[in-house]
């Protein structure tokens, strides 16, 4: 079982910063290889800066669905808006923070584009 670090408020990886019904993913941070619900949880718990995942490592499993605990590669996650296993819908607003996690990725509507 994957341990989720940070100020988690439930078993579906929501945290004190992001806790809407759709805030159900955890992200493995490249810099420390730990899963956190969000960048703010990481910043509060760690003394190092966030290191973003480079495009050539988008094949790494770094996203966890908080509902069913299915893991996704970054590339898989960037091309879906819901869990392909349990059907839970992910928060589309997460795209606003893409630059904190994934280098060279941006989202237009429901589709991620990678440069």
PDB file of N, CA and C in Angstrom:
ATOM      1  N   UNK A   1       0.842  -1.189   0.000  1.00  0.00           N
ATOM      2  CA  UNK A   1       0.000   0.000   0.000  1.00  0.00           C
ATOM      3  C   UNK A   1       0.886   1.251   0.000  1.00  0.00           C
ATOM      4  N   UNK A   2       0.517   2.208  -0.803  1.00  0.00           N
ATOM      5  CA  UNK A   2       1.276   3.449  -0.931  1.00  0.00           C
ATOM      6  C   UNK A   2       0.939   4.380   0.229  1.00  0.00           C
ATOM      7  N   UNK A   3       1.965   4.935   0.848  1.00  0.00           N
ATOM      8  CA  UNK A   3       1.752   5.913   1.919  1.00  0.00           C
ATOM      9  C   UNK A   3       1.599   7.302   1.299  1.00  0.00           C
ATOM     10  N   UNK A   4       0.580   8.033   1.723  1.00  0.00           N
ATOM     11  CA  UNK A   4       0.357   9.398   1.257  1.00  0.00           C
ATOM     12  C   UNK A   4       0.798  10.345   2.372  1.00  0.00           C
ATOM     13  N   UNK A   5       1.741  11.199   2.054  1.00  0.00           N
ATOM     14  CA  UNK A   5       2.268  12.172   3.008  1.00  0.00           C
ATOM     15  C   UNK A   5       1.452  13.457   2.936  1.00  0.00           C
ATOM     16  N   UNK A   6       1.628  14.317   3.905  1.00  0.00           N
ATOM     17  CA  UNK A   6       0.957  15.611   3.907  1.00  0.00           C
ATOM     18  C   UNK A   6      -0.238  15.638   4.834  1.00  0.00           C
ATOM     19  N   UNK A   7      -0.991  16.701   4.731  1.00  0.00           N
ATOM     20  CA  UNK A   7      -2.140  16.917   5.608  1.00  0.00           C
ATOM     21  C   UNK A   7      -3.396  16.302   4.996  1.00  0.00           C
ATOM     22  N   UNK A   8      -3.393  14.980   4.925  1.00  0.00           N
ATOM     23  CA  UNK A   8      -4.483  14.221   4.322  1.00  0.00           C
ATOM     24  C   UNK A   8      -5.682  14.221   5.267  1.00  0.00           C
ATOM     25  N   UNK A   9      -6.888  14.413   4.696  1.00  0.00           N
ATOM     26  CA  UNK A   9      -8.086  14.470   5.533  1.00  0.00           C
ATOM     27  C   UNK A   9      -9.009  13.260   5.371  1.00  0.00           C
ATOM     28  N   UNK A  10      -8.755  12.402   4.372  1.00  0.00           N
ATOM     29  CA  UNK A  10      -9.572  11.201   4.223  1.00  0.00           C
ATOM     30  C   UNK A  10      -8.791  10.114   3.488  1.00  0.00           C
ATOM     31  N   UNK A  11      -9.427   8.985   3.274  1.00  0.00           N
ATOM     32  CA  UNK A  11      -8.779   7.833   2.644  1.00  0.00           C
ATOM     33  C   UNK A  11      -8.685   7.951   1.124  1.00  0.00           C
ATOM     34  N   UNK A  12      -9.251   9.026   0.541  1.00  0.00           N
ATOM     35  CA  UNK A  12      -9.225   9.209  -0.911  1.00  0.00           C
ATOM     36  C   UNK A  12      -8.231  10.287  -1.330  1.00  0.00           C
ATOM     37  N   UNK A  13      -7.283  10.591  -0.503  1.00  0.00           N
ATOM     38  CA  UNK A  13      -6.138  11.490  -0.723  1.00  0.00           C
ATOM     39  C   UNK A  13      -6.486  12.980  -0.744  1.00  0.00           C
ATOM     40  N   UNK A  14      -7.664  13.348  -0.281  1.00  0.00           N
ATOM     41  CA  UNK A  14      -7.949  14.779  -0.161  1.00  0.00           C
ATOM     42  C   UNK A  14      -7.107  15.343   0.980  1.00  0.00           C
ATOM     43  N   UNK A  15      -6.833  16.641   0.891  1.00  0.00           N
ATOM     44  CA  UNK A  15      -6.008  17.268   1.925  1.00  0.00           C
ATOM     45  C   UNK A  15      -6.667  18.550   2.411  1.00  0.00           C
ATOM     46  N   UNK A  16      -6.038  19.202   3.365  1.00  0.00           N
ATOM     47  CA  UNK A  16      -6.598  20.437   3.912  1.00  0.00           C
ATOM     48  C   UNK A  16      -6.636  21.551   2.872  1.00  0.00           C
ATOM     49  N   UNK A  17      -5.809  21.468   1.836  1.00  0.00           N
ATOM     50  CA  UNK A  17      -5.758  22.505   0.807  1.00  0.00           C
ATOM     51  C   UNK A  17      -6.769  22.266  -0.311  1.00  0.00           C
ATOM     52  N   UNK A  18      -6.949  21.012  -0.692  1.00  0.00           N
ATOM     53  CA  UNK A  18      -7.836  20.633  -1.799  1.00  0.00           C
ATOM     54  C   UNK A  18      -8.680  19.448  -1.345  1.00  0.00           C
ATOM     55  N   UNK A  19      -9.977  19.683  -1.177  1.00  0.00           N
ATOM     56  CA  UNK A  19     -10.824  18.635  -0.607  1.00  0.00           C
ATOM     57  C   UNK A  19     -12.220  18.597  -1.214  1.00  0.00           C
ATOM     58  N   UNK A  20     -12.327  18.941  -2.501  1.00  0.00           N
ATOM     59  CA  UNK A  20     -13.617  18.812  -3.178  1.00  0.00           C
ATOM     60  C   UNK A  20     -13.851  17.336  -3.513  1.00  0.00           C
ATOM     61  N   UNK A  21     -15.052  16.978  -3.918  1.00  0.00           N
ATOM     62  CA  UNK A  21     -15.314  15.581  -4.282  1.00  0.00           C
ATOM     63  C   UNK A  21     -14.385  15.048  -5.380  1.00  0.00           C
ATOM     64  N   UNK A  22     -13.863  15.929  -6.234  1.00  0.00           N
ATOM     65  CA  UNK A  22     -12.997  15.493  -7.338  1.00  0.00           C
ATOM     66  C   UNK A  22     -11.500  15.540  -7.010  1.00  0.00           C
ATOM     67  N   UNK A  23     -11.136  16.001  -5.851  1.00  0.00           N
ATOM     68  CA  UNK A  23      -9.720  16.066  -5.457  1.00  0.00           C
ATOM     69  C   UNK A  23      -9.287  14.708  -4.919  1.00  0.00           C
ATOM     70  N   UNK A  24      -9.057  13.784  -5.844  1.00  0.00           N
ATOM     71  CA  UNK A  24      -8.845  12.389  -5.452  1.00  0.00           C
ATOM     72  C   UNK A  24      -7.582  11.775  -6.037  1.00  0.00           C
ATOM     73  N   UNK A  25      -6.586  12.581  -6.332  1.00  0.00           N
ATOM     74  CA  UNK A  25      -5.329  11.988  -6.782  1.00  0.00           C
ATOM     75  C   UNK A  25      -4.204  12.363  -5.826  1.00  0.00           C
ATOM     76  N   UNK A  26      -3.199  11.533  -5.823  1.00  0.00           N
ATOM     77  CA  UNK A  26      -1.947  11.849  -5.137  1.00  0.00           C
ATOM     78  C   UNK A  26      -0.852  11.786  -6.188  1.00  0.00           C
ATOM     79  N   UNK A  27       0.143  12.620  -6.033  1.00  0.00           N
ATOM     80  CA  UNK A  27       1.231  12.739  -6.997  1.00  0.00           C
ATOM     81  C   UNK A  27       2.538  12.343  -6.341  1.00  0.00           C
ATOM     82  N   UNK A  28       3.280  11.472  -7.030  1.00  0.00           N
ATOM     83  CA  UNK A  28       4.622  11.141  -6.540  1.00  0.00           C
ATOM     84  C   UNK A  28       5.559  12.244  -7.017  1.00  0.00           C
ATOM     85  N   UNK A  29       6.209  12.896  -6.090  1.00  0.00           N
ATOM     86  CA  UNK A  29       7.122  13.977  -6.440  1.00  0.00           C
ATOM     87  C   UNK A  29       8.476  13.400  -6.818  1.00  0.00           C
ATOM     88  N   UNK A  30       8.994  13.860  -7.935  1.00  0.00           N
ATOM     89  CA  UNK A  30      10.267  13.358  -8.450  1.00  0.00           C
ATOM     90  C   UNK A  30      11.399  13.563  -7.450  1.00  0.00           C
ATOM     91  N   UNK A  31      11.396  14.692  -6.793  1.00  0.00           N
ATOM     92  CA  UNK A  31      12.495  15.065  -5.898  1.00  0.00           C
ATOM     93  C   UNK A  31      12.665  14.131  -4.704  1.00  0.00           C
ATOM     94  N   UNK A  32      11.601  13.617  -4.160  1.00  0.00           N
ATOM     95  CA  UNK A  32      11.695  12.798  -2.941  1.00  0.00           C
ATOM     96  C   UNK A  32      11.051  11.422  -3.082  1.00  0.00           C
ATOM     97  N   UNK A  33      10.397  11.190  -4.234  1.00  0.00           N
ATOM     98  CA  UNK A  33       9.735   9.905  -4.492  1.00  0.00           C
ATOM     99  C   UNK A  33       8.640   9.594  -3.471  1.00  0.00           C
ATOM    100  N   UNK A  34       8.030  10.643  -2.919  1.00  0.00           N
ATOM    101  CA  UNK A  34       6.928  10.483  -1.970  1.00  0.00           C
ATOM    102  C   UNK A  34       5.642  10.992  -2.612  1.00  0.00           C
ATOM    103  N   UNK A  35       4.545  10.326  -2.289  1.00  0.00           N
ATOM    104  CA  UNK A  35       3.232  10.754  -2.769  1.00  0.00           C
ATOM    105  C   UNK A  35       2.645  11.797  -1.825  1.00  0.00           C
ATOM    106  N   UNK A  36       2.176  12.909  -2.419  1.00  0.00           N
ATOM    107  CA  UNK A  36       1.480  13.965  -1.693  1.00  0.00           C
ATOM    108  C   UNK A  36       0.194  14.300  -2.445  1.00  0.00           C
ATOM    109  N   UNK A  37      -0.833  14.787  -1.749  1.00  0.00           N
ATOM    110  CA  UNK A  37      -2.055  15.209  -2.423  1.00  0.00           C
ATOM    111  C   UNK A  37      -1.864  16.473  -3.269  1.00  0.00           C
ATOM    112  N   UNK A  38      -0.926  17.338  -2.858  1.00  0.00           N
ATOM    113  CA  UNK A  38      -0.741  18.592  -3.585  1.00  0.00           C
ATOM    114  C   UNK A  38       0.634  19.189  -3.294  1.00  0.00           C
ATOM    115  N   UNK A  39       0.974  20.205  -4.073  1.00  0.00           N
ATOM    116  CA  UNK A  39       2.274  20.863  -3.911  1.00  0.00           C
ATOM    117  C   UNK A  39       2.381  21.580  -2.569  1.00  0.00           C
ATOM    118  N   UNK A  40       1.270  22.091  -2.047  1.00  0.00           N
ATOM    119  CA  UNK A  40       1.324  22.786  -0.762  1.00  0.00           C
ATOM    120  C   UNK A  40       1.652  21.827   0.379  1.00  0.00           C
ATOM    121  N   UNK A  41       1.080  20.632   0.327  1.00  0.00           N
ATOM    122  CA  UNK A  41       1.423  19.615   1.339  1.00  0.00           C
ATOM    123  C   UNK A  41       2.912  19.296   1.266  1.00  0.00           C
ATOM    124  N   UNK A  42       3.442  19.188   0.046  1.00  0.00           N
ATOM    125  CA  UNK A  42       4.869  18.908  -0.136  1.00  0.00           C
ATOM    126  C   UNK A  42       5.707  20.037   0.453  1.00  0.00           C
ATOM    127  N   UNK A  43       5.363  21.263   0.119  1.00  0.00           N
ATOM    128  CA  UNK A  43       6.133  22.415   0.599  1.00  0.00           C
ATOM    129  C   UNK A  43       6.145  22.503   2.120  1.00  0.00           C
ATOM    130  N   UNK A  44       5.040  22.157   2.745  1.00  0.00           N
ATOM    131  CA  UNK A  44       4.961  22.244   4.204  1.00  0.00           C
ATOM    132  C   UNK A  44       5.733  21.129   4.901  1.00  0.00           C
ATOM    133  N   UNK A  45       5.880  19.990   4.233  1.00  0.00           N
ATOM    134  CA  UNK A  45       6.510  18.835   4.879  1.00  0.00           C
ATOM    135  C   UNK A  45       7.988  18.662   4.554  1.00  0.00           C
ATOM    136  N   UNK A  46       8.423  19.156   3.418  1.00  0.00           N
ATOM    137  CA  UNK A  46       9.791  18.912   2.956  1.00  0.00           C
ATOM    138  C   UNK A  46      10.629  20.185   3.017  1.00  0.00           C
ATOM    139  N   UNK A  47      11.933  20.022   3.154  1.00  0.00           N
ATOM    140  CA  UNK A  47      12.839  21.173   3.196  1.00  0.00           C
ATOM    141  C   UNK A  47      13.502  21.436   1.847  1.00  0.00           C
ATOM    142  N   UNK A  48      13.210  20.619   0.848  1.00  0.00           N
ATOM    143  CA  UNK A  48      13.799  20.805  -0.481  1.00  0.00           C
ATOM    144  C   UNK A  48      12.757  21.378  -1.452  1.00  0.00           C
ATOM    145  N   UNK A  49      13.247  21.892  -2.569  1.00  0.00           N
ATOM    146  CA  UNK A  49      12.371  22.433  -3.606  1.00  0.00           C
ATOM    147  C   UNK A  49      11.771  21.304  -4.429  1.00  0.00           C
ATOM    148  N   UNK A  50      10.625  21.574  -5.008  1.00  0.00           N
ATOM    149  CA  UNK A  50       9.968  20.613  -5.893  1.00  0.00           C
ATOM    150  C   UNK A  50      10.785  20.477  -7.169  1.00  0.00           C
ATOM    151  N   UNK A  51      10.984  19.248  -7.592  1.00  0.00           N
ATOM    152  CA  UNK A  51      11.629  18.958  -8.874  1.00  0.00           C
ATOM    153  C   UNK A  51      10.553  18.398  -9.798  1.00  0.00           C
ATOM    154  N   UNK A  52      10.346  19.043 -10.948  1.00  0.00           N
ATOM    155  CA  UNK A  52       9.298  18.589 -11.868  1.00  0.00           C
ATOM    156  C   UNK A  52       9.775  17.392 -12.689  1.00  0.00           C
ATOM    157  N   UNK A  53       8.815  16.586 -13.096  1.00  0.00           N
ATOM    158  CA  UNK A  53       9.121  15.426 -13.932  1.00  0.00           C
ATOM    159  C   UNK A  53       9.416  15.889 -15.357  1.00  0.00           C
ATOM    160  N   UNK A  54      10.560  15.519 -15.943  1.00  0.00           N
ATOM    161  CA  UNK A  54      10.837  15.865 -17.336  1.00  0.00           C
ATOM    162  C   UNK A  54      10.032  14.963 -18.272  1.00  0.00           C
ATOM    163  N   UNK A  55       9.786  15.452 -19.473  1.00  0.00           N
ATOM    164  CA  UNK A  55       8.966  14.715 -20.434  1.00  0.00           C
ATOM    165  C   UNK A  55       9.501  13.317 -20.704  1.00  0.00           C
ATOM    166  N   UNK A  56      10.810  13.145 -20.712  1.00  0.00           N
ATOM    167  CA  UNK A  56      11.358  11.820 -21.011  1.00  0.00           C
ATOM    168  C   UNK A  56      11.132  10.815 -19.881  1.00  0.00           C
ATOM    169  N   UNK A  57      10.500  11.258 -18.796  1.00  0.00           N
ATOM    170  CA  UNK A  57      10.156  10.347 -17.699  1.00  0.00           C
ATOM    171  C   UNK A  57       8.646  10.270 -17.460  1.00  0.00           C
ATOM    172  N   UNK A  58       7.871  10.709 -18.448  1.00  0.00           N
ATOM    173  CA  UNK A  58       6.416  10.640 -18.322  1.00  0.00           C
ATOM    174  C   UNK A  58       5.907   9.198 -18.340  1.00  0.00           C
ATOM    175  N   UNK A  59       6.792   8.240 -18.566  1.00  0.00           N
ATOM    176  CA  UNK A  59       6.415   6.825 -18.522  1.00  0.00           C
ATOM    177  C   UNK A  59       6.476   6.269 -17.097  1.00  0.00           C
ATOM    178  N   UNK A  60       6.833   7.094 -16.138  1.00  0.00           N
ATOM    179  CA  UNK A  60       6.930   6.681 -14.736  1.00  0.00           C
ATOM    180  C   UNK A  60       5.554   6.721 -14.063  1.00  0.00           C
ATOM    181  N   UNK A  61       5.266   5.710 -13.254  1.00  0.00           N
ATOM    182  CA  UNK A  61       4.024   5.730 -12.472  1.00  0.00           C
ATOM    183  C   UNK A  61       4.195   6.751 -11.355  1.00  0.00           C
ATOM    184  N   UNK A  62       3.399   7.801 -11.421  1.00  0.00           N
ATOM    185  CA  UNK A  62       3.540   8.885 -10.446  1.00  0.00           C
ATOM    186  C   UNK A  62       2.203   9.469 -10.010  1.00  0.00           C
ATOM    187  N   UNK A  63       1.100   8.875 -10.453  1.00  0.00           N
ATOM    188  CA  UNK A  63      -0.225   9.365 -10.090  1.00  0.00           C
ATOM    189  C   UNK A  63      -1.009   8.207  -9.487  1.00  0.00           C
ATOM    190  N   UNK A  64      -1.715   8.483  -8.413  1.00  0.00           N
ATOM    191  CA  UNK A  64      -2.505   7.463  -7.742  1.00  0.00           C
ATOM    192  C   UNK A  64      -3.945   7.942  -7.612  1.00  0.00           C
ATOM    193  N   UNK A  65      -4.885   7.128  -8.079  1.00  0.00           N
ATOM    194  CA  UNK A  65      -6.301   7.426  -7.854  1.00  0.00           C
ATOM    195  C   UNK A  65      -6.587   7.168  -6.381  1.00  0.00           C
ATOM    196  N   UNK A  66      -7.085   8.163  -5.696  1.00  0.00           N
ATOM    197  CA  UNK A  66      -7.354   8.028  -4.275  1.00  0.00           C
ATOM    198  C   UNK A  66      -8.538   7.137  -3.953  1.00  0.00           C
ATOM    199  N   UNK A  67      -9.417   6.918  -4.918  1.00  0.00           N
ATOM    200  CA  UNK A  67     -10.602   6.100  -4.673  1.00  0.00           C
ATOM    201  C   UNK A  67     -10.261   4.615  -4.718  1.00  0.00           C
ATOM    202  N   UNK A  68      -9.668   4.164  -5.833  1.00  0.00           N
ATOM    203  CA  UNK A  68      -9.410   2.723  -5.994  1.00  0.00           C
ATOM    204  C   UNK A  68      -7.938   2.355  -5.869  1.00  0.00           C
ATOM    205  N   UNK A  69      -7.082   3.361  -5.745  1.00  0.00           N
ATOM    206  CA  UNK A  69      -5.632   3.172  -5.569  1.00  0.00           C
ATOM    207  C   UNK A  69      -4.929   2.652  -6.821  1.00  0.00           C
ATOM    208  N   UNK A  70      -5.533   2.836  -7.989  1.00  0.00           N
ATOM    209  CA  UNK A  70      -4.881   2.487  -9.246  1.00  0.00           C
ATOM    210  C   UNK A  70      -3.777   3.492  -9.528  1.00  0.00           C
ATOM    211  N   UNK A  71      -2.632   3.003  -9.982  1.00  0.00           N
ATOM    212  CA  UNK A  71      -1.522   3.870 -10.342  1.00  0.00           C
ATOM    213  C   UNK A  71      -1.504   4.149 -11.833  1.00  0.00           C
ATOM    214  N   UNK A  72      -1.089   5.345 -12.195  1.00  0.00           N
ATOM    215  CA  UNK A  72      -1.002   5.760 -13.592  1.00  0.00           C
ATOM    216  C   UNK A  72       0.367   6.347 -13.878  1.00  0.00           C
ATOM    217  N   UNK A  73       0.827   6.138 -15.105  1.00  0.00           N
ATOM    218  CA  UNK A  73       2.015   6.867 -15.527  1.00  0.00           C
ATOM    219  C   UNK A  73       1.591   8.319 -15.726  1.00  0.00           C
ATOM    220  N   UNK A  74       2.557   9.192 -15.771  1.00  0.00           N
ATOM    221  CA  UNK A  74       2.249  10.604 -16.007  1.00  0.00           C
ATOM    222  C   UNK A  74       1.576  10.756 -17.357  1.00  0.00           C
ATOM    223  N   UNK A  75       2.101  10.075 -18.372  1.00  0.00           N
ATOM    224  CA  UNK A  75       1.523  10.165 -19.713  1.00  0.00           C
ATOM    225  C   UNK A  75       0.072   9.685 -19.720  1.00  0.00           C
ATOM    226  N   UNK A  76      -0.216   8.591 -19.053  1.00  0.00           N
ATOM    227  CA  UNK A  76      -1.602   8.117 -18.978  1.00  0.00           C
ATOM    228  C   UNK A  76      -2.484   9.176 -18.332  1.00  0.00           C
ATOM    229  N   UNK A  77      -2.053   9.690 -17.208  1.00  0.00           N
ATOM    230  CA  UNK A  77      -2.837  10.680 -16.471  1.00  0.00           C
ATOM    231  C   UNK A  77      -3.105  11.931 -17.307  1.00  0.00           C
ATOM    232  N   UNK A  78      -2.127  12.353 -18.069  1.00  0.00           N
ATOM    233  CA  UNK A  78      -2.276  13.571 -18.869  1.00  0.00           C
ATOM    234  C   UNK A  78      -3.271  13.414 -20.011  1.00  0.00           C
ATOM    235  N   UNK A  79      -3.705  12.200 -20.281  1.00  0.00           N
ATOM    236  CA  UNK A  79      -4.632  11.962 -21.385  1.00  0.00           C
ATOM    237  C   UNK A  79      -5.998  11.455 -20.930  1.00  0.00           C
ATOM    238  N   UNK A  80      -6.272  11.518 -19.646  1.00  0.00           N
ATOM    239  CA  UNK A  80      -7.578  11.101 -19.131  1.00  0.00           C
ATOM    240  C   UNK A  80      -8.109  12.165 -18.176  1.00  0.00           C
ATOM    241  N   UNK A  81      -9.412  12.144 -17.948  1.00  0.00           N
ATOM    242  CA  UNK A  81      -9.982  13.056 -16.947  1.00  0.00           C
ATOM    243  C   UNK A  81     -10.744  12.298 -15.865  1.00  0.00           C
ATOM    244  N   UNK A  82     -10.632  10.974 -15.908  1.00  0.00           N
ATOM    245  CA  UNK A  82     -11.214  10.140 -14.865  1.00  0.00           C
ATOM    246  C   UNK A  82     -10.426   8.847 -14.774  1.00  0.00           C
ATOM    247  N   UNK A  83     -10.575   8.165 -13.670  1.00  0.00           N
ATOM    248  CA  UNK A  83      -9.869   6.905 -13.472  1.00  0.00           C
ATOM    249  C   UNK A  83     -10.408   5.869 -14.451  1.00  0.00           C
ATOM    250  N   UNK A  84      -9.526   5.217 -15.159  1.00  0.00           N
ATOM    251  CA  UNK A  84      -9.944   4.200 -16.122  1.00  0.00           C
ATOM    252  C   UNK A  84     -10.329   2.894 -15.437  1.00  0.00           C
ATOM    253  N   UNK A  85     -10.056   2.787 -14.160  1.00  0.00           N
ATOM    254  CA  UNK A  85     -10.393   1.570 -13.419  1.00  0.00           C
ATOM    255  C   UNK A  85     -11.748   1.700 -12.713  1.00  0.00           C
ATOM    256  N   UNK A  86     -11.914   2.745 -11.903  1.00  0.00           N
ATOM    257  CA  UNK A  86     -13.157   2.880 -11.124  1.00  0.00           C
ATOM    258  C   UNK A  86     -14.118   3.933 -11.679  1.00  0.00           C
ATOM    259  N   UNK A  87     -13.669   4.760 -12.632  1.00  0.00           N
ATOM    260  CA  UNK A  87     -14.533   5.764 -13.242  1.00  0.00           C
ATOM    261  C   UNK A  87     -14.649   7.071 -12.484  1.00  0.00           C
ATOM    262  N   UNK A  88     -13.969   7.207 -11.369  1.00  0.00           N
ATOM    263  CA  UNK A  88     -14.030   8.455 -10.601  1.00  0.00           C
ATOM    264  C   UNK A  88     -13.434   9.604 -11.406  1.00  0.00           C
ATOM    265  N   UNK A  89     -14.120  10.736 -11.397  1.00  0.00           N
ATOM    266  CA  UNK A  89     -13.708  11.898 -12.182  1.00  0.00           C
ATOM    267  C   UNK A  89     -12.687  12.708 -11.395  1.00  0.00           C
ATOM    268  N   UNK A  90     -11.604  13.099 -12.093  1.00  0.00           N
ATOM    269  CA  UNK A  90     -10.548  13.898 -11.484  1.00  0.00           C
ATOM    270  C   UNK A  90     -10.867  15.386 -11.621  1.00  0.00           C
ATOM    271  N   UNK A  91     -10.316  16.201 -10.755  1.00  0.00           N
ATOM    272  CA  UNK A  91     -10.518  17.645 -10.765  1.00  0.00           C
ATOM    273  C   UNK A  91      -9.782  18.271 -11.946  1.00  0.00           C
ATOM    274  N   UNK A  92     -10.547  18.829 -12.881  1.00  0.00           N
ATOM    275  CA  UNK A  92      -9.945  19.459 -14.057  1.00  0.00           C
ATOM    276  C   UNK A  92      -9.137  20.702 -13.677  1.00  0.00           C
ATOM    277  N   UNK A  93      -9.413  21.285 -12.524  1.00  0.00           N
ATOM    278  CA  UNK A  93      -8.676  22.461 -12.070  1.00  0.00           C
ATOM    279  C   UNK A  93      -7.217  22.176 -11.758  1.00  0.00           C
ATOM    280  N   UNK A  94      -6.871  20.904 -11.621  1.00  0.00           N
ATOM    281  CA  UNK A  94      -5.466  20.547 -11.360  1.00  0.00           C
ATOM    282  C   UNK A  94      -4.552  21.034 -12.482  1.00  0.00           C
ATOM    283  N   UNK A  95      -5.119  21.245 -13.669  1.00  0.00           N
ATOM    284  CA  UNK A  95      -4.310  21.701 -14.802  1.00  0.00           C
ATOM    285  C   UNK A  95      -3.637  23.034 -14.516  1.00  0.00           C
ATOM    286  N   UNK A  96      -4.210  23.798 -13.601  1.00  0.00           N
ATOM    287  CA  UNK A  96      -3.635  25.097 -13.260  1.00  0.00           C
ATOM    288  C   UNK A  96      -2.288  24.967 -12.562  1.00  0.00           C
ATOM    289  N   UNK A  97      -1.994  23.781 -12.061  1.00  0.00           N
ATOM    290  CA  UNK A  97      -0.739  23.548 -11.343  1.00  0.00           C
ATOM    291  C   UNK A  97       0.210  22.627 -12.101  1.00  0.00           C
ATOM    292  N   UNK A  98      -0.096  22.337 -13.361  1.00  0.00           N
ATOM    293  CA  UNK A  98       0.721  21.385 -14.133  1.00  0.00           C
ATOM    294  C   UNK A  98       2.193  21.738 -14.126  1.00  0.00           C
ATOM    295  N   UNK A  99       2.505  23.013 -14.166  1.00  0.00           N
ATOM    296  CA  UNK A  99       3.903  23.442 -14.225  1.00  0.00           C
ATOM    297  C   UNK A  99       4.682  23.084 -12.957  1.00  0.00           C
ATOM    298  N   UNK A 100       3.989  22.793 -11.880  1.00  0.00           N
ATOM    299  CA  UNK A 100       4.657  22.416 -10.633  1.00  0.00           C
ATOM    300  C   UNK A 100       5.043  20.939 -10.595  1.00  0.00           C
ATOM    301  N   UNK A 101       4.467  20.163 -11.503  1.00  0.00           N
ATOM    302  CA  UNK A 101       4.680  18.715 -11.489  1.00  0.00           C
ATOM    303  C   UNK A 101       5.321  18.166 -12.761  1.00  0.00           C
ATOM    304  N   UNK A 102       4.871  18.661 -13.920  1.00  0.00           N
ATOM    305  CA  UNK A 102       5.237  18.063 -15.206  1.00  0.00           C
ATOM    306  C   UNK A 102       5.793  19.114 -16.158  1.00  0.00           C
ATOM    307  N   UNK A 103       7.031  18.957 -16.560  1.00  0.00           N
ATOM    308  CA  UNK A 103       7.673  19.920 -17.458  1.00  0.00           C
ATOM    309  C   UNK A 103       7.130  19.757 -18.879  1.00  0.00           C
ATOM    310  N   UNK A 104       6.708  20.871 -19.471  1.00  0.00           N
ATOM    311  CA  UNK A 104       6.290  20.868 -20.868  1.00  0.00           C
ATOM    312  C   UNK A 104       4.905  20.331 -21.134  1.00  0.00           C
ATOM    313  N   UNK A 105       4.058  20.254 -20.127  1.00  0.00           N
ATOM    314  CA  UNK A 105       2.687  19.774 -20.338  1.00  0.00           C
ATOM    315  C   UNK A 105       1.716  20.896 -20.013  1.00  0.00           C
ATOM    316  N   UNK A 106       0.706  21.028 -20.827  1.00  0.00           N
ATOM    317  CA  UNK A 106      -0.356  21.974 -20.529  1.00  0.00           C
ATOM    318  C   UNK A 106      -1.669  21.377 -20.999  1.00  0.00           C
ATOM    319  N   UNK A 107      -2.757  21.842 -20.425  1.00  0.00           N
ATOM    320  CA  UNK A 107      -4.049  21.228 -20.702  1.00  0.00           C
ATOM    321  C   UNK A 107      -4.975  22.207 -21.401  1.00  0.00           C
ATOM    322  N   UNK A 108      -5.655  21.709 -22.427  1.00  0.00           N
ATOM    323  CA  UNK A 108      -6.695  22.463 -23.091  1.00  0.00           C
ATOM    324  C   UNK A 108      -7.976  21.655 -22.959  1.00  0.00           C
ATOM    325  N   UNK A 109      -8.936  22.194 -22.274  1.00  0.00           N
ATOM    326  CA  UNK A 109     -10.183  21.491 -21.948  1.00  0.00           C
ATOM    327  C   UNK A 109      -9.881  20.169 -21.268  1.00  0.00           C
ATOM    328  N   UNK A 110     -10.185  19.050 -21.903  1.00  0.00           N
ATOM    329  CA  UNK A 110     -10.003  17.739 -21.270  1.00  0.00           C
ATOM    330  C   UNK A 110      -8.786  16.999 -21.798  1.00  0.00           C
ATOM    331  N   UNK A 111      -7.976  17.625 -22.622  1.00  0.00           N
ATOM    332  CA  UNK A 111      -6.868  16.916 -23.251  1.00  0.00           C
ATOM    333  C   UNK A 111      -5.547  17.579 -22.912  1.00  0.00           C
ATOM    334  N   UNK A 112      -4.613  16.789 -22.459  1.00  0.00           N
ATOM    335  CA  UNK A 112      -3.268  17.296 -22.178  1.00  0.00           C
ATOM    336  C   UNK A 112      -2.462  17.282 -23.461  1.00  0.00           C
ATOM    337  N   UNK A 113      -1.693  18.306 -23.665  1.00  0.00           N
ATOM    338  CA  UNK A 113      -0.789  18.411 -24.799  1.00  0.00           C
ATOM    339  C   UNK A 113       0.619  18.457 -24.224  1.00  0.00           C
ATOM    340  N   UNK A 114       1.522  17.695 -24.805  1.00  0.00           N
ATOM    341  CA  UNK A 114       2.907  17.738 -24.342  1.00  0.00           C
ATOM    342  C   UNK A 114       3.777  18.275 -25.457  1.00  0.00           C
ATOM    343  N   UNK A 115       4.654  19.169 -25.087  1.00  0.00           N
ATOM    344  CA  UNK A 115       5.579  19.766 -26.061  1.00  0.00           C
ATOM    345  C   UNK A 115       6.858  18.979 -26.085  1.00  0.00           C
TER     346      UNK A 115
END
